[in-house]
Amino acid sequence: MSISDVSSQLGGSIQRTSSSVPSPSASSASGGGTARAIGGTTGGIADSVSLSPLASSLRDESLTAFNALSAETRTQLSSLVDSGKLTGEDVHNALKQRLKESRLTAYSATFRMAHNDNAGLFSSDDTTSDDFRKALSATSAKREELMGKLSLLDQRGQGASEQYGEISTSLMAQGTNPALLLAQSGNQRMILDPFQGFSITQPADSRMAYTRKEADAAYKLKDAGVDLSSIDKALRSLGERDAASLIAERTGQPSTHTVAQDREFTSDDSLFPSISLPTSQARTDAPAMGQRVQLREEVMAAWEAMQKGGVGAFEDAKSAQQYREGIRVSY
């Protein structure tokens, strides 16, 4: 597990004022925009979801996610609830998990891409937070352009084309710039998010961290025959948009979109435990190269110790990884 992946799960939490749960036909508050009302016409195919029992369970993130799905997937989910194979809460929790995982995937991929494109920043003691900020801003713009190309290919019915696959692979940024090996320890790539601002204890960010209940619900959908990859593809643009907004927020840059905190989330239920570091290591600025190496080692040690100690209902890091891999976002 890379630090860029781990750190994205540990941001500070901003409480928002609770508001009444929107009706299924109302606007969704989770994405900061207006969600399409449940029921309607998508791609010329009429679809309808009864107000009970599924629609009454959808709210916030799950409503935003549901309205982004195809008519076929919406109908399938409604049928599964009507038949009793799933509950409305199962669908609500599962869709929240898919949207949060989509945000987390895009967020981590943005940092990986920025790292690869700006590897020199990690080998210079003269690097500043502003250097990282500019790099991330450029990367976010690059990803927005690539997502625009994917959308155009989809509109042309070329979602399975070679070009689509190449762009998608580029967006995942799974490769590593060889220059980053200088910032590597052992066999793991570990690069810190310089804007993370590690403190003694940091609650997981409810907009990307999900609970065991939400993850279990995603497995229920999978076991019921729902194609999670089709859901993930439908939510990809939302995940990218939200990730860009979260990065802008964390780096102090302007953004026209705001991602609301999950009001149902509690840190105690989070699948991602908070990392505790010694007081002397708490930082808010991008540390020098030597300090970054030391801090990486301390963070990884703290993370592995918690996993081995059973934190988050897992016996060890391997079981945690296996559990998450079964429901990772797939495009």
C-alpha atoms as a PDB file:
ATOM      1  CA  MET A   1       0.000   0.000   0.000  1.00  0.00           C
ATOM      2  CA  SER A   2       1.376   3.357  -0.967  1.00  0.00           C
ATOM      3  CA  ILE A   3       1.377   6.342   1.323  1.00  0.00           C
ATOM      4  CA  SER A   4      -0.402   8.320  -1.370  1.00  0.00           C
ATOM      5  CA  ASP A   5      -3.249   5.796  -1.067  1.00  0.00           C
ATOM      6  CA  VAL A   6      -3.140   5.634   2.734  1.00  0.00           C
ATOM      7  CA  SER A   7      -2.906   9.367   3.320  1.00  0.00           C
ATOM      8  CA  SER A   8      -5.917  10.111   1.171  1.00  0.00           C
ATOM      9  CA  GLN A   9      -8.052   8.253   3.666  1.00  0.00           C
ATOM     10  CA  LEU A  10      -6.958  10.286   6.660  1.00  0.00           C
ATOM     11  CA  GLY A  11      -7.880  13.906   6.055  1.00  0.00           C
ATOM     12  CA  GLY A  12      -9.380  16.168   8.681  1.00  0.00           C
ATOM     13  CA  SER A  13     -13.135  16.221   9.068  1.00  0.00           C
ATOM     14  CA  ILE A  14     -15.338  19.278   8.620  1.00  0.00           C
ATOM     15  CA  GLN A  15     -18.699  19.032  10.315  1.00  0.00           C
ATOM     16  CA  ARG A  16     -21.697  20.273   8.373  1.00  0.00           C
ATOM     17  CA  THR A  17     -25.061  21.281   9.738  1.00  0.00           C
ATOM     18  CA  SER A  18     -27.565  18.464   9.555  1.00  0.00           C
ATOM     19  CA  SER A  19     -30.494  19.038   7.292  1.00  0.00           C
ATOM     20  CA  SER A  20     -33.639  17.108   6.595  1.00  0.00           C
ATOM     21  CA  VAL A  21     -33.279  14.063   4.367  1.00  0.00           C
ATOM     22  CA  PRO A  22     -34.315  14.978   0.845  1.00  0.00           C
ATOM     23  CA  SER A  23     -37.148  13.148  -0.821  1.00  0.00           C
ATOM     24  CA  PRO A  24     -36.201  10.951  -3.788  1.00  0.00           C
ATOM     25  CA  SER A  25     -37.354  13.636  -6.191  1.00  0.00           C
ATOM     26  CA  ALA A  26     -35.481  16.423  -4.458  1.00  0.00           C
ATOM     27  CA  SER A  27     -31.990  17.732  -5.109  1.00  0.00           C
ATOM     28  CA  SER A  28     -29.103  15.757  -3.655  1.00  0.00           C
ATOM     29  CA  ALA A  29     -26.906  17.571  -1.171  1.00  0.00           C
ATOM     30  CA  SER A  30     -23.938  15.230  -1.398  1.00  0.00           C
ATOM     31  CA  GLY A  31     -22.519  16.451  -4.660  1.00  0.00           C
ATOM     32  CA  GLY A  32     -23.390  20.103  -4.414  1.00  0.00           C
ATOM     33  CA  GLY A  33     -25.535  19.887  -7.526  1.00  0.00           C
ATOM     34  CA  THR A  34     -29.033  18.888  -8.542  1.00  0.00           C
ATOM     35  CA  ALA A  35     -29.658  15.208  -8.983  1.00  0.00           C
ATOM     36  CA  ARG A  36     -32.038  13.927 -11.643  1.00  0.00           C
ATOM     37  CA  ALA A  37     -35.302  12.791 -10.078  1.00  0.00           C
ATOM     38  CA  ILE A  38     -35.776   9.047  -9.722  1.00  0.00           C
ATOM     39  CA  GLY A  39     -37.839   7.766 -12.592  1.00  0.00           C
ATOM     40  CA  GLY A  40     -37.828   9.212 -16.050  1.00  0.00           C
ATOM     41  CA  THR A  41     -36.281   8.477 -19.394  1.00  0.00           C
ATOM     42  CA  THR A  42     -32.649   7.611 -20.019  1.00  0.00           C
ATOM     43  CA  GLY A  43     -31.396   6.891 -23.513  1.00  0.00           C
ATOM     44  CA  GLY A  44     -34.969   6.623 -24.749  1.00  0.00           C
ATOM     45  CA  ILE A  45     -35.783   3.871 -22.248  1.00  0.00           C
ATOM     46  CA  ALA A  46     -38.526   4.656 -19.765  1.00  0.00           C
ATOM     47  CA  ASP A  47     -37.801   3.560 -16.223  1.00  0.00           C
ATOM     48  CA  SER A  48     -39.718   3.923 -13.004  1.00  0.00           C
ATOM     49  CA  VAL A  49     -38.926   3.229  -9.374  1.00  0.00           C
ATOM     50  CA  SER A  50     -41.765   3.086  -6.896  1.00  0.00           C
ATOM     51  CA  LEU A  51     -41.619   5.312  -3.841  1.00  0.00           C
ATOM     52  CA  SER A  52     -41.477   2.197  -1.677  1.00  0.00           C
ATOM     53  CA  PRO A  53     -39.313   0.496  -0.582  1.00  0.00           C
ATOM     54  CA  LEU A  54     -36.208   1.553  -2.550  1.00  0.00           C
ATOM     55  CA  ALA A  55     -36.815   5.215  -3.319  1.00  0.00           C
ATOM     56  CA  SER A  56     -37.654   6.048   0.285  1.00  0.00           C
ATOM     57  CA  SER A  57     -34.242   4.699   1.335  1.00  0.00           C
ATOM     58  CA  LEU A  58     -32.140   6.713  -1.104  1.00  0.00           C
ATOM     59  CA  ARG A  59     -30.611   9.963   0.145  1.00  0.00           C
ATOM     60  CA  ASP A  60     -27.523  12.124  -0.144  1.00  0.00           C
ATOM     61  CA  GLU A  61     -24.658  10.161  -1.780  1.00  0.00           C
ATOM     62  CA  SER A  62     -26.815   7.159  -2.687  1.00  0.00           C
ATOM     63  CA  LEU A  63     -29.391   9.350  -4.435  1.00  0.00           C
ATOM     64  CA  THR A  64     -26.666  11.144  -6.376  1.00  0.00           C
ATOM     65  CA  ALA A  65     -25.176   7.792  -7.388  1.00  0.00           C
ATOM     66  CA  PHE A  66     -28.530   6.208  -8.259  1.00  0.00           C
ATOM     67  CA  ASN A  67     -29.469   9.031 -10.591  1.00  0.00           C
ATOM     68  CA  ALA A  68     -26.188   8.584 -12.498  1.00  0.00           C
ATOM     69  CA  LEU A  69     -26.919   4.917 -13.249  1.00  0.00           C
ATOM     70  CA  SER A  70     -28.401   3.537 -16.433  1.00  0.00           C
ATOM     71  CA  ALA A  71     -32.107   2.804 -16.615  1.00  0.00           C
ATOM     72  CA  GLU A  72     -31.331  -0.922 -16.714  1.00  0.00           C
ATOM     73  CA  THR A  73     -29.273  -0.825 -13.521  1.00  0.00           C
ATOM     74  CA  ARG A  74     -31.847   1.286 -11.703  1.00  0.00           C
ATOM     75  CA  THR A  75     -34.586  -1.141 -12.687  1.00  0.00           C
ATOM     76  CA  GLN A  76     -32.470  -4.112 -11.583  1.00  0.00           C
ATOM     77  CA  LEU A  77     -31.831  -2.598  -8.167  1.00  0.00           C
ATOM     78  CA  SER A  78     -35.504  -1.772  -7.723  1.00  0.00           C
ATOM     79  CA  SER A  79     -36.491  -5.312  -8.661  1.00  0.00           C
ATOM     80  CA  LEU A  80     -34.035  -6.823  -6.203  1.00  0.00           C
ATOM     81  CA  VAL A  81     -35.494  -4.721  -3.408  1.00  0.00           C
ATOM     82  CA  ASP A  82     -39.078  -5.474  -4.416  1.00  0.00           C
ATOM     83  CA  SER A  83     -38.282  -9.201  -4.426  1.00  0.00           C
ATOM     84  CA  GLY A  84     -36.780  -9.042  -0.942  1.00  0.00           C
ATOM     85  CA  LYS A  85     -33.313 -10.140  -2.065  1.00  0.00           C
ATOM     86  CA  LEU A  86     -31.952  -6.753  -0.965  1.00  0.00           C
ATOM     87  CA  THR A  87     -33.269  -4.044   1.309  1.00  0.00           C
ATOM     88  CA  GLY A  88     -33.468  -0.376   0.445  1.00  0.00           C
ATOM     89  CA  GLU A  89     -30.778   0.273   3.070  1.00  0.00           C
ATOM     90  CA  ASP A  90     -28.527  -2.302   1.392  1.00  0.00           C
ATOM     91  CA  VAL A  91     -28.739  -0.361  -1.871  1.00  0.00           C
ATOM     92  CA  HIS A  92     -28.290   2.971  -0.076  1.00  0.00           C
ATOM     93  CA  ASN A  93     -25.149   1.797   1.714  1.00  0.00           C
ATOM     94  CA  ALA A  94     -23.735   0.031  -1.347  1.00  0.00           C
ATOM     95  CA  LEU A  95     -24.144   3.047  -3.626  1.00  0.00           C
ATOM     96  CA  LYS A  96     -22.517   5.268  -1.017  1.00  0.00           C
ATOM     97  CA  GLN A  97     -19.584   2.858  -0.923  1.00  0.00           C
ATOM     98  CA  ARG A  98     -19.224   2.843  -4.707  1.00  0.00           C
ATOM     99  CA  LEU A  99     -19.282   6.642  -4.939  1.00  0.00           C
ATOM    100  CA  LYS A 100     -16.799   7.051  -2.087  1.00  0.00           C
ATOM    101  CA  GLU A 101     -14.518   4.414  -3.595  1.00  0.00           C
ATOM    102  CA  SER A 102     -14.752   6.186  -6.947  1.00  0.00           C
ATOM    103  CA  ARG A 103     -13.687   9.448  -5.303  1.00  0.00           C
ATOM    104  CA  LEU A 104     -10.851   7.733  -3.468  1.00  0.00           C
ATOM    105  CA  THR A 105      -9.655   5.981  -6.627  1.00  0.00           C
ATOM    106  CA  ALA A 106      -9.615   9.230  -8.610  1.00  0.00           C
ATOM    107  CA  TYR A 107      -8.029  11.122  -5.710  1.00  0.00           C
ATOM    108  CA  SER A 108      -5.181   8.630  -5.338  1.00  0.00           C
ATOM    109  CA  ALA A 109      -4.696   8.382  -9.107  1.00  0.00           C
ATOM    110  CA  THR A 110      -4.423  12.180  -9.314  1.00  0.00           C
ATOM    111  CA  PHE A 111      -1.582  12.158  -6.801  1.00  0.00           C
ATOM    112  CA  ARG A 112       0.144   9.267  -8.591  1.00  0.00           C
ATOM    113  CA  MET A 113      -0.079  11.110 -11.892  1.00  0.00           C
ATOM    114  CA  ALA A 114       1.213  14.318 -10.322  1.00  0.00           C
ATOM    115  CA  HIS A 115       4.082  12.400  -8.747  1.00  0.00           C
ATOM    116  CA  ASN A 116       5.021  10.792 -12.054  1.00  0.00           C
ATOM    117  CA  ASP A 117       4.829  14.049 -13.997  1.00  0.00           C
ATOM    118  CA  ASN A 118       6.763  16.007 -11.364  1.00  0.00           C
ATOM    119  CA  ALA A 119       9.197  13.454  -9.955  1.00  0.00           C
ATOM    120  CA  GLY A 120      11.899  16.074  -9.500  1.00  0.00           C
ATOM    121  CA  LEU A 121       9.919  17.689  -6.682  1.00  0.00           C
ATOM    122  CA  PHE A 122      10.634  14.706  -4.463  1.00  0.00           C
ATOM    123  CA  SER A 123      14.407  14.818  -4.817  1.00  0.00           C
ATOM    124  CA  SER A 124      14.926  18.493  -4.021  1.00  0.00           C
ATOM    125  CA  ASP A 125      15.111  20.078  -0.593  1.00  0.00           C
ATOM    126  CA  ASP A 126      14.084  23.371  -2.221  1.00  0.00           C
ATOM    127  CA  THR A 127      10.612  22.064  -3.023  1.00  0.00           C
ATOM    128  CA  THR A 128       7.825  24.073  -1.428  1.00  0.00           C
ATOM    129  CA  SER A 129       4.133  23.456  -0.826  1.00  0.00           C
ATOM    130  CA  ASP A 130       3.394  25.913  -3.616  1.00  0.00           C
ATOM    131  CA  ASP A 131       5.363  23.713  -6.029  1.00  0.00           C
ATOM    132  CA  PHE A 132       3.161  20.754  -5.111  1.00  0.00           C
ATOM    133  CA  ARG A 133       0.068  22.928  -5.339  1.00  0.00           C
ATOM    134  CA  LYS A 134       0.892  24.003  -8.906  1.00  0.00           C
ATOM    135  CA  ALA A 135       1.699  20.422  -9.889  1.00  0.00           C
ATOM    136  CA  LEU A 136      -1.625  19.133  -8.565  1.00  0.00           C
ATOM    137  CA  SER A 137      -3.540  21.942 -10.243  1.00  0.00           C
ATOM    138  CA  ALA A 138      -1.963  21.103 -13.590  1.00  0.00           C
ATOM    139  CA  THR A 139      -2.695  17.417 -13.080  1.00  0.00           C
ATOM    140  CA  SER A 140      -6.341  18.067 -12.233  1.00  0.00           C
ATOM    141  CA  ALA A 141      -6.682  20.082 -15.459  1.00  0.00           C
ATOM    142  CA  LYS A 142      -5.021  17.278 -17.403  1.00  0.00           C
ATOM    143  CA  ARG A 143      -7.397  14.687 -15.972  1.00  0.00           C
ATOM    144  CA  GLU A 144     -10.422  16.842 -16.759  1.00  0.00           C
ATOM    145  CA  GLU A 145      -9.308  17.010 -20.378  1.00  0.00           C
ATOM    146  CA  LEU A 146      -8.810  13.237 -20.541  1.00  0.00           C
ATOM    147  CA  MET A 147     -12.228  12.620 -18.990  1.00  0.00           C
ATOM    148  CA  GLY A 148     -13.731  14.877 -21.657  1.00  0.00           C
ATOM    149  CA  LYS A 149     -12.196  12.672 -24.327  1.00  0.00           C
ATOM    150  CA  LEU A 150     -13.608   9.540 -22.676  1.00  0.00           C
ATOM    151  CA  SER A 151     -17.057  11.112 -22.548  1.00  0.00           C
ATOM    152  CA  LEU A 152     -16.868  11.953 -26.245  1.00  0.00           C
ATOM    153  CA  LEU A 153     -15.862   8.378 -27.094  1.00  0.00           C
ATOM    154  CA  ASP A 154     -18.784   7.073 -25.026  1.00  0.00           C
ATOM    155  CA  GLN A 155     -21.178   9.352 -26.876  1.00  0.00           C
ATOM    156  CA  ARG A 156     -19.864   7.949 -30.151  1.00  0.00           C
ATOM    157  CA  GLY A 157     -20.361   4.375 -28.953  1.00  0.00           C
ATOM    158  CA  GLN A 158     -16.616   3.789 -28.758  1.00  0.00           C
ATOM    159  CA  GLY A 159     -16.443   2.860 -25.078  1.00  0.00           C
ATOM    160  CA  ALA A 160     -14.731  -0.416 -25.933  1.00  0.00           C
ATOM    161  CA  SER A 161     -12.217   1.063 -28.374  1.00  0.00           C
ATOM    162  CA  GLU A 162      -8.447   0.862 -28.062  1.00  0.00           C
ATOM    163  CA  GLN A 163      -8.244   4.622 -27.639  1.00  0.00           C
ATOM    164  CA  TYR A 164     -10.709   4.502 -24.757  1.00  0.00           C
ATOM    165  CA  GLY A 165      -8.627   1.826 -23.060  1.00  0.00           C
ATOM    166  CA  GLU A 166      -5.415   3.798 -23.495  1.00  0.00           C
ATOM    167  CA  ILE A 167      -6.907   6.941 -21.965  1.00  0.00           C
ATOM    168  CA  SER A 168      -8.421   4.969 -19.106  1.00  0.00           C
ATOM    169  CA  THR A 169      -5.065   3.338 -18.382  1.00  0.00           C
ATOM    170  CA  SER A 170      -3.406   6.750 -18.403  1.00  0.00           C
ATOM    171  CA  LEU A 171      -5.939   8.043 -15.890  1.00  0.00           C
ATOM    172  CA  MET A 172      -5.234   5.170 -13.498  1.00  0.00           C
ATOM    173  CA  ALA A 173      -1.531   6.136 -13.457  1.00  0.00           C
ATOM    174  CA  GLN A 174      -0.487   2.758 -12.097  1.00  0.00           C
ATOM    175  CA  GLY A 175       3.046   2.960 -13.484  1.00  0.00           C
ATOM    176  CA  THR A 176       5.892   4.608 -11.619  1.00  0.00           C
ATOM    177  CA  ASN A 177       8.323   7.169 -12.974  1.00  0.00           C
ATOM    178  CA  PRO A 178      11.791   5.607 -12.404  1.00  0.00           C
ATOM    179  CA  ALA A 179      12.941   8.889 -10.866  1.00  0.00           C
ATOM    180  CA  LEU A 180      10.559   8.237  -7.986  1.00  0.00           C
ATOM    181  CA  LEU A 181      12.557   5.174  -6.962  1.00  0.00           C
ATOM    182  CA  LEU A 182      14.791   7.582  -5.070  1.00  0.00           C
ATOM    183  CA  ALA A 183      11.847   8.165  -2.738  1.00  0.00           C
ATOM    184  CA  GLN A 184      11.159   4.477  -2.328  1.00  0.00           C
ATOM    185  CA  SER A 185      11.735   2.286   0.719  1.00  0.00           C
ATOM    186  CA  GLY A 186      12.060  -1.464   0.278  1.00  0.00           C
ATOM    187  CA  ASN A 187       9.632  -2.678  -2.363  1.00  0.00           C
ATOM    188  CA  GLN A 188       6.879  -0.170  -1.665  1.00  0.00           C
ATOM    189  CA  ARG A 189       6.324   3.173  -3.299  1.00  0.00           C
ATOM    190  CA  MET A 190       5.753   5.691  -0.529  1.00  0.00           C
ATOM    191  CA  ILE A 191       5.151   9.342  -1.272  1.00  0.00           C
ATOM    192  CA  LEU A 192       3.484  11.686   1.176  1.00  0.00           C
ATOM    193  CA  ASP A 193       0.635  14.029   0.447  1.00  0.00           C
ATOM    194  CA  PRO A 194       2.366  17.290   1.462  1.00  0.00           C
ATOM    195  CA  PHE A 195      -0.983  18.895   2.250  1.00  0.00           C
ATOM    196  CA  GLN A 196      -2.065  16.154   4.621  1.00  0.00           C
ATOM    197  CA  GLY A 197      -0.803  17.949   7.704  1.00  0.00           C
ATOM    198  CA  PHE A 198      -0.362  14.901   9.923  1.00  0.00           C
ATOM    199  CA  SER A 199      -1.459  15.421  13.506  1.00  0.00           C
ATOM    200  CA  ILE A 200      -1.645  13.248  16.591  1.00  0.00           C
ATOM    201  CA  THR A 201      -4.879  11.655  15.466  1.00  0.00           C
ATOM    202  CA  GLN A 202      -6.702  12.404  12.242  1.00  0.00           C
ATOM    203  CA  PRO A 203     -10.243  11.205  11.627  1.00  0.00           C
ATOM    204  CA  ALA A 204     -10.913   9.645   8.260  1.00  0.00           C
ATOM    205  CA  ASP A 205     -12.502  11.887   5.655  1.00  0.00           C
ATOM    206  CA  SER A 206     -16.131  10.756   5.461  1.00  0.00           C
ATOM    207  CA  ARG A 207     -16.293  11.711   1.783  1.00  0.00           C
ATOM    208  CA  MET A 208     -13.814   8.994   0.813  1.00  0.00           C
ATOM    209  CA  ALA A 209     -13.725   6.654   3.806  1.00  0.00           C
ATOM    210  CA  TYR A 210     -16.564   4.197   4.177  1.00  0.00           C
ATOM    211  CA  THR A 211     -17.780   1.870   6.903  1.00  0.00           C
ATOM    212  CA  ARG A 212     -17.746  -1.908   7.144  1.00  0.00           C
ATOM    213  CA  LYS A 213     -21.553  -1.809   6.800  1.00  0.00           C
ATOM    214  CA  GLU A 214     -21.277   0.060   3.505  1.00  0.00           C
ATOM    215  CA  ALA A 215     -18.611  -2.315   2.212  1.00  0.00           C
ATOM    216  CA  ASP A 216     -20.654  -5.356   3.243  1.00  0.00           C
ATOM    217  CA  ALA A 217     -23.614  -3.895   1.337  1.00  0.00           C
ATOM    218  CA  ALA A 218     -21.487  -3.650  -1.814  1.00  0.00           C
ATOM    219  CA  TYR A 219     -20.675  -7.335  -1.450  1.00  0.00           C
ATOM    220  CA  LYS A 220     -24.423  -8.038  -1.118  1.00  0.00           C
ATOM    221  CA  LEU A 221     -25.048  -6.290  -4.432  1.00  0.00           C
ATOM    222  CA  LYS A 222     -22.274  -8.289  -6.018  1.00  0.00           C
ATOM    223  CA  ASP A 223     -23.652 -11.574  -4.647  1.00  0.00           C
ATOM    224  CA  ALA A 224     -27.119 -10.647  -5.913  1.00  0.00           C
ATOM    225  CA  GLY A 225     -25.774 -10.503  -9.466  1.00  0.00           C
ATOM    226  CA  VAL A 226     -25.346  -6.741  -9.837  1.00  0.00           C
ATOM    227  CA  ASP A 227     -22.438  -5.809 -12.124  1.00  0.00           C
ATOM    228  CA  LEU A 228     -20.425  -3.443  -9.945  1.00  0.00           C
ATOM    229  CA  SER A 229     -18.203  -2.480 -12.866  1.00  0.00           C
ATOM    230  CA  SER A 230     -21.191  -0.992 -14.714  1.00  0.00           C
ATOM    231  CA  ILE A 231     -21.991   1.070 -11.627  1.00  0.00           C
ATOM    232  CA  ASP A 232     -18.358   2.144 -11.355  1.00  0.00           C
ATOM    233  CA  LYS A 233     -18.234   3.257 -14.980  1.00  0.00           C
ATOM    234  CA  ALA A 234     -21.409   5.299 -14.506  1.00  0.00           C
ATOM    235  CA  LEU A 235     -19.966   6.973 -11.407  1.00  0.00           C
ATOM    236  CA  ARG A 236     -16.502   7.616 -12.802  1.00  0.00           C
ATOM    237  CA  SER A 237     -17.114  11.194 -13.914  1.00  0.00           C
ATOM    238  CA  LEU A 238     -18.667  12.002 -10.517  1.00  0.00           C
ATOM    239  CA  GLY A 239     -15.669  10.506  -8.743  1.00  0.00           C
ATOM    240  CA  GLU A 240     -13.237  12.527 -10.841  1.00  0.00           C
ATOM    241  CA  ARG A 241     -15.184  15.749 -10.314  1.00  0.00           C
ATOM    242  CA  ASP A 242     -15.410  15.207  -6.564  1.00  0.00           C
ATOM    243  CA  ALA A 243     -11.738  14.215  -6.271  1.00  0.00           C
ATOM    244  CA  ALA A 244     -10.673  17.382  -8.063  1.00  0.00           C
ATOM    245  CA  SER A 245     -12.799  19.418  -5.660  1.00  0.00           C
ATOM    246  CA  LEU A 246     -11.329  17.658  -2.618  1.00  0.00           C
ATOM    247  CA  ILE A 247      -7.796  18.292  -3.855  1.00  0.00           C
ATOM    248  CA  ALA A 248      -8.605  21.959  -4.504  1.00  0.00           C
ATOM    249  CA  GLU A 249     -10.032  22.206  -0.997  1.00  0.00           C
ATOM    250  CA  ARG A 250      -7.030  20.546   0.598  1.00  0.00           C
ATOM    251  CA  THR A 251      -4.536  22.672  -1.298  1.00  0.00           C
ATOM    252  CA  GLY A 252      -6.375  25.943  -0.734  1.00  0.00           C
ATOM    253  CA  GLN A 253      -7.359  26.477  -4.358  1.00  0.00           C
ATOM    254  CA  PRO A 254     -10.712  27.779  -5.623  1.00  0.00           C
ATOM    255  CA  SER A 255     -13.345  25.335  -6.803  1.00  0.00           C
ATOM    256  CA  THR A 256     -16.863  25.752  -8.156  1.00  0.00           C
ATOM    257  CA  HIS A 257     -17.955  22.440  -6.618  1.00  0.00           C
ATOM    258  CA  THR A 258     -18.151  21.344  -2.987  1.00  0.00           C
ATOM    259  CA  VAL A 259     -18.382  17.787  -1.694  1.00  0.00           C
ATOM    260  CA  ALA A 260     -20.411  17.556   1.507  1.00  0.00           C
ATOM    261  CA  GLN A 261     -19.393  15.405   4.443  1.00  0.00           C
ATOM    262  CA  ASP A 262     -21.345  12.204   5.010  1.00  0.00           C
ATOM    263  CA  ARG A 263     -23.606  13.089   7.928  1.00  0.00           C
ATOM    264  CA  GLU A 264     -24.225   9.401   8.701  1.00  0.00           C
ATOM    265  CA  PHE A 265     -20.521   8.602   9.032  1.00  0.00           C
ATOM    266  CA  THR A 266     -18.723   8.120  12.332  1.00  0.00           C
ATOM    267  CA  SER A 267     -14.977   7.586  12.700  1.00  0.00           C
ATOM    268  CA  ASP A 268     -15.560   4.657  15.048  1.00  0.00           C
ATOM    269  CA  ASP A 269     -17.267   2.756  12.217  1.00  0.00           C
ATOM    270  CA  SER A 270     -14.703   3.683   9.584  1.00  0.00           C
ATOM    271  CA  LEU A 271     -12.995   0.924   7.668  1.00  0.00           C
ATOM    272  CA  PHE A 272      -9.920   3.184   7.677  1.00  0.00           C
ATOM    273  CA  PRO A 273      -8.513   3.778  11.178  1.00  0.00           C
ATOM    274  CA  SER A 274      -6.811   7.044  12.075  1.00  0.00           C
ATOM    275  CA  ILE A 275      -3.023   7.079  12.249  1.00  0.00           C
ATOM    276  CA  SER A 276      -1.363   8.363  15.395  1.00  0.00           C
ATOM    277  CA  LEU A 277       2.085   9.948  15.213  1.00  0.00           C
ATOM    278  CA  PRO A 278       4.394  11.346  17.905  1.00  0.00           C
ATOM    279  CA  THR A 279       3.743  15.000  18.720  1.00  0.00           C
ATOM    280  CA  SER A 280       7.187  15.980  17.502  1.00  0.00           C
ATOM    281  CA  GLN A 281       6.344  14.704  14.023  1.00  0.00           C
ATOM    282  CA  ALA A 282       3.157  16.705  13.465  1.00  0.00           C
ATOM    283  CA  ARG A 283       3.652  18.911  10.408  1.00  0.00           C
ATOM    284  CA  THR A 284       1.590  21.142   8.193  1.00  0.00           C
ATOM    285  CA  ASP A 285       4.144  22.098   5.538  1.00  0.00           C
ATOM    286  CA  ALA A 286       5.929  20.027   2.938  1.00  0.00           C
ATOM    287  CA  PRO A 287       8.993  18.638   4.809  1.00  0.00           C
ATOM    288  CA  ALA A 288      12.511  18.516   3.417  1.00  0.00           C
ATOM    289  CA  MET A 289      13.632  15.348   1.664  1.00  0.00           C
ATOM    290  CA  GLY A 290      15.358  13.825   4.685  1.00  0.00           C
ATOM    291  CA  GLN A 291      12.371  14.551   6.898  1.00  0.00           C
ATOM    292  CA  ARG A 292       9.982  13.077   4.330  1.00  0.00           C
ATOM    293  CA  VAL A 293      11.884   9.791   4.371  1.00  0.00           C
ATOM    294  CA  GLN A 294      11.708   9.649   8.164  1.00  0.00           C
ATOM    295  CA  LEU A 295       8.033  10.587   8.252  1.00  0.00           C
ATOM    296  CA  ARG A 296       7.168   7.985   5.603  1.00  0.00           C
ATOM    297  CA  GLU A 297       8.779   5.295   7.714  1.00  0.00           C
ATOM    298  CA  GLU A 298       6.923   6.411  10.835  1.00  0.00           C
ATOM    299  CA  VAL A 299       3.560   6.529   9.080  1.00  0.00           C
ATOM    300  CA  MET A 300       3.991   3.081   7.543  1.00  0.00           C
ATOM    301  CA  ALA A 301       5.107   1.626  10.878  1.00  0.00           C
ATOM    302  CA  ALA A 302       2.088   3.133  12.639  1.00  0.00           C
ATOM    303  CA  TRP A 303      -0.272   1.876   9.937  1.00  0.00           C
ATOM    304  CA  GLU A 304       1.107  -1.663   9.949  1.00  0.00           C
ATOM    305  CA  ALA A 305       1.070  -1.800  13.743  1.00  0.00           C
ATOM    306  CA  MET A 306      -2.610  -0.873  13.829  1.00  0.00           C
ATOM    307  CA  GLN A 307      -3.519  -3.435  11.199  1.00  0.00           C
ATOM    308  CA  LYS A 308      -1.616  -6.201  12.977  1.00  0.00           C
ATOM    309  CA  GLY A 309      -3.275  -5.177  16.212  1.00  0.00           C
ATOM    310  CA  GLY A 310      -6.707  -5.826  14.752  1.00  0.00           C
ATOM    311  CA  VAL A 311      -7.778  -2.209  14.349  1.00  0.00           C
ATOM    312  CA  GLY A 312     -10.758  -1.874  12.047  1.00  0.00           C
ATOM    313  CA  ALA A 313     -11.980  -5.430  12.695  1.00  0.00           C
ATOM    314  CA  PHE A 314      -9.125  -6.953  10.691  1.00  0.00           C
ATOM    315  CA  GLU A 315      -6.531  -9.361  12.011  1.00  0.00           C
ATOM    316  CA  ASP A 316      -3.777  -8.001   9.809  1.00  0.00           C
ATOM    317  CA  ALA A 317      -3.040  -5.832   6.806  1.00  0.00           C
ATOM    318  CA  LYS A 318      -3.292  -8.768   4.397  1.00  0.00           C
ATOM    319  CA  SER A 319      -6.876  -9.596   5.335  1.00  0.00           C
ATOM    320  CA  ALA A 320      -7.789  -5.906   5.099  1.00  0.00           C
ATOM    321  CA  GLN A 321      -6.307  -5.728   1.616  1.00  0.00           C
ATOM    322  CA  GLN A 322      -8.090  -8.877   0.480  1.00  0.00           C
ATOM    323  CA  TYR A 323     -11.408  -7.571   1.769  1.00  0.00           C
ATOM    324  CA  ARG A 324     -11.044  -4.255  -0.079  1.00  0.00           C
ATOM    325  CA  GLU A 325      -9.746  -5.807  -3.296  1.00  0.00           C
ATOM    326  CA  GLY A 326     -13.014  -7.674  -3.738  1.00  0.00           C
ATOM    327  CA  ILE A 327     -14.934  -4.416  -4.104  1.00  0.00           C
ATOM    328  CA  ARG A 328     -12.350  -2.047  -5.542  1.00  0.00           C
ATOM    329  CA  VAL A 329     -13.537   0.237  -8.299  1.00  0.00           C
ATOM    330  CA  SER A 330     -13.108  -1.263 -11.760  1.00  0.00           C
ATOM    331  CA  TYR A 331     -13.498   0.782 -14.955  1.00  0.00           C
END
